[in-house]
Protein backbone atom coordinates (compact mmCIF):
# COMPACT_ATOMS: atom_id res chain seq x y z
CA MET A 1 -81.72 57.31 113.54
CA ALA A 2 -83.12 54.28 115.38
CA ARG A 3 -81.36 53.18 118.56
CA LEU A 4 -79.55 49.85 118.24
CA ALA A 5 -80.57 47.22 120.78
CA THR A 6 -78.90 44.50 122.80
CA CYS A 7 -80.29 41.15 123.91
CA PHE A 8 -79.08 38.50 126.36
CA VAL A 9 -79.37 35.01 124.85
CA TYR A 10 -78.82 31.71 126.65
CA GLY A 11 -79.87 28.88 124.34
CA SER A 12 -80.03 28.21 120.61
CA LEU A 13 -79.41 31.90 119.86
CA MET A 14 -75.88 31.56 121.28
CA SER A 15 -75.10 29.65 118.07
CA ALA A 16 -73.51 31.78 115.35
CA GLU A 17 -74.98 29.40 112.79
CA VAL A 18 -78.53 29.91 114.08
CA LEU A 19 -78.08 33.68 114.20
CA HIS A 20 -76.79 33.71 110.63
CA GLU A 21 -79.79 31.70 109.41
CA LEU A 22 -82.24 33.88 111.32
CA LEU A 23 -80.80 37.38 110.91
CA GLY A 24 -78.61 36.95 107.84
CA ARG A 25 -75.57 37.95 109.92
CA VAL A 26 -73.89 37.25 113.23
CA PRO A 27 -73.98 40.27 115.58
CA VAL A 28 -71.11 41.05 117.91
CA MET A 29 -71.49 38.82 120.99
CA ARG A 30 -69.92 38.95 124.45
CA ALA A 31 -70.13 36.47 127.31
CA ALA A 32 -72.40 37.56 130.16
CA VAL A 33 -74.18 36.28 133.26
CA LEU A 34 -77.81 36.87 134.23
CA LYS A 35 -78.56 36.47 137.94
CA GLY A 36 -81.95 35.51 139.35
CA PHE A 37 -82.95 32.99 136.68
CA ARG A 38 -82.44 29.27 136.01
CA ARG A 39 -82.14 27.67 132.54
CA HIS A 40 -84.14 24.47 132.01
CA ALA A 41 -84.46 21.88 129.32
CA LEU A 42 -88.10 21.76 128.19
CA PHE A 43 -90.17 18.62 127.68
CA ALA A 44 -90.56 17.78 123.96
CA ARG A 45 -88.58 20.87 122.90
CA ASN A 46 -85.03 21.08 121.57
CA TYR A 47 -84.36 24.50 123.11
CA PRO A 48 -84.29 25.78 126.70
CA GLY A 49 -86.24 28.30 128.71
CA ILE A 50 -85.38 30.39 131.74
CA VAL A 51 -87.62 31.03 134.69
CA PRO A 52 -87.09 33.23 137.75
CA ASP A 53 -85.00 31.66 140.54
CA ALA A 54 -83.40 34.06 143.03
CA GLN A 55 -80.63 31.56 143.89
CA ALA A 56 -79.53 30.81 140.32
CA SER A 57 -77.71 32.43 137.41
CA VAL A 58 -77.46 31.77 133.69
CA HIS A 59 -74.35 32.04 131.54
CA GLY A 60 -74.99 33.26 128.01
CA GLN A 61 -74.10 35.92 125.46
CA VAL A 62 -75.18 39.49 124.82
CA LEU A 63 -75.95 40.33 121.20
CA PHE A 64 -74.97 43.93 120.37
CA ALA A 65 -76.07 46.46 117.74
CA LEU A 66 -79.34 44.78 116.78
CA GLN A 67 -81.34 46.70 114.19
CA PRO A 68 -85.06 47.33 114.89
CA LYS A 69 -86.02 44.87 112.15
CA GLU A 70 -83.81 42.22 113.78
CA THR A 71 -85.39 42.72 117.21
CA GLN A 72 -88.83 42.38 115.60
CA LEU A 73 -87.70 39.10 114.01
CA LEU A 74 -86.37 37.85 117.35
CA ASP A 75 -89.71 38.74 118.97
CA LEU A 76 -91.53 36.61 116.39
CA PHE A 77 -89.02 33.76 116.67
CA GLU A 78 -89.33 33.67 120.47
CA ASP A 79 -93.12 33.28 120.47
CA GLU A 80 -93.19 31.07 123.59
CA TYR A 81 -91.37 33.73 125.60
CA THR A 82 -91.97 37.18 127.04
CA LYS A 83 -89.34 39.86 126.61
CA GLU A 84 -88.20 41.33 129.93
CA ALA A 85 -85.80 44.10 130.82
CA VAL A 86 -82.88 42.83 132.91
CA GLN A 87 -79.35 43.71 133.91
CA VAL A 88 -76.46 41.39 133.08
CA ALA A 89 -72.80 41.27 134.03
CA VAL A 90 -70.81 41.38 130.80
CA GLU A 91 -67.42 39.69 130.95
CA GLY A 92 -64.67 42.26 131.42
CA GLU A 93 -67.03 45.14 132.29
CA SER A 94 -67.43 46.60 135.76
CA ALA A 95 -70.89 48.13 135.30
CA PRO A 96 -74.00 46.03 134.63
CA LEU A 97 -75.65 46.30 131.21
CA ASP A 98 -79.36 47.05 130.82
CA THR A 99 -80.69 44.71 128.16
CA ASN A 100 -83.58 42.39 127.33
CA VAL A 101 -84.03 38.65 127.68
CA TYR A 102 -86.70 36.21 126.56
CA VAL A 103 -88.21 34.44 129.60
CA TYR A 104 -90.10 31.21 129.08
CA ALA A 105 -93.81 32.00 129.40
CA ARG A 106 -95.39 28.56 129.12
CA GLY A 107 -94.05 26.87 132.25
CA HIS A 108 -97.56 25.82 133.23
CA GLU A 109 -98.09 24.07 129.86
CA VAL A 110 -94.71 22.39 129.32
CA ALA A 111 -92.71 20.48 131.91
CA LEU A 112 -89.45 22.11 132.98
CA LEU A 113 -86.75 19.47 133.10
CA GLY A 114 -83.20 19.62 134.44
CA ASP A 115 -80.37 21.87 133.35
CA TRP A 116 -79.93 22.44 129.62
CA ASP A 117 -76.51 21.72 128.11
CA TYR A 118 -75.40 23.86 125.15
CA ALA A 119 -72.60 21.53 124.02
CA GLN A 120 -74.97 18.54 124.03
CA TRP A 121 -77.58 20.57 122.12
CA ARG A 122 -75.00 21.44 119.46
CA ARG A 123 -74.09 17.75 119.04
CA GLU A 124 -77.64 16.39 119.01
CA HIS A 125 -79.93 19.13 117.70
CA LEU A 126 -78.06 21.91 115.88
CA GLN A 127 -78.52 20.60 112.34
CA GLY A 128 -82.26 20.05 112.72
CA PHE A 129 -82.64 23.40 114.44
CA LEU A 130 -80.81 25.13 111.60
CA ALA A 131 -83.26 23.63 109.09
CA SER A 132 -86.31 24.85 111.03
CA THR A 133 -84.70 28.27 111.56
CA ARG A 134 -84.01 28.55 107.83
CA GLU A 135 -87.70 27.81 107.15
CA PHE A 136 -88.83 30.39 109.70
CA ALA A 137 -86.51 33.07 108.31
CA ALA A 138 -87.69 32.45 104.75
CA GLN A 139 -91.27 33.09 105.85
CA HIS A 140 -90.57 36.18 107.98
CA ARG A 141 -87.65 38.12 106.54
């Protein structure tokens, strides 16, 4: 039996609606914090990226019980990112969790702007992002 995976998410993938469009379901999610990275808005993109920053931390969610096919789909979806092994502090847990995160890999090509705001993204970009995610999923599922 294949081992189920986890993944720390910090941007559009925190949205249950986006996850449902992409994976066909919403995995169990728990709030978590990743230290040593900073989340940025990206120039001409409607999603964020994280880059290493020893003085910063990122609040997000851990997705649990991801099937191998779902992790492959996430890898395709996050094509501007590299998957890295990290440890996160999961809310309510005393021990850190070993998981993966997608780190923005094109910082030299795209300007990193200020902090990215999830609530603002939901208000201004969620509906358009859902449409593009639906298109992507139809081509790759």
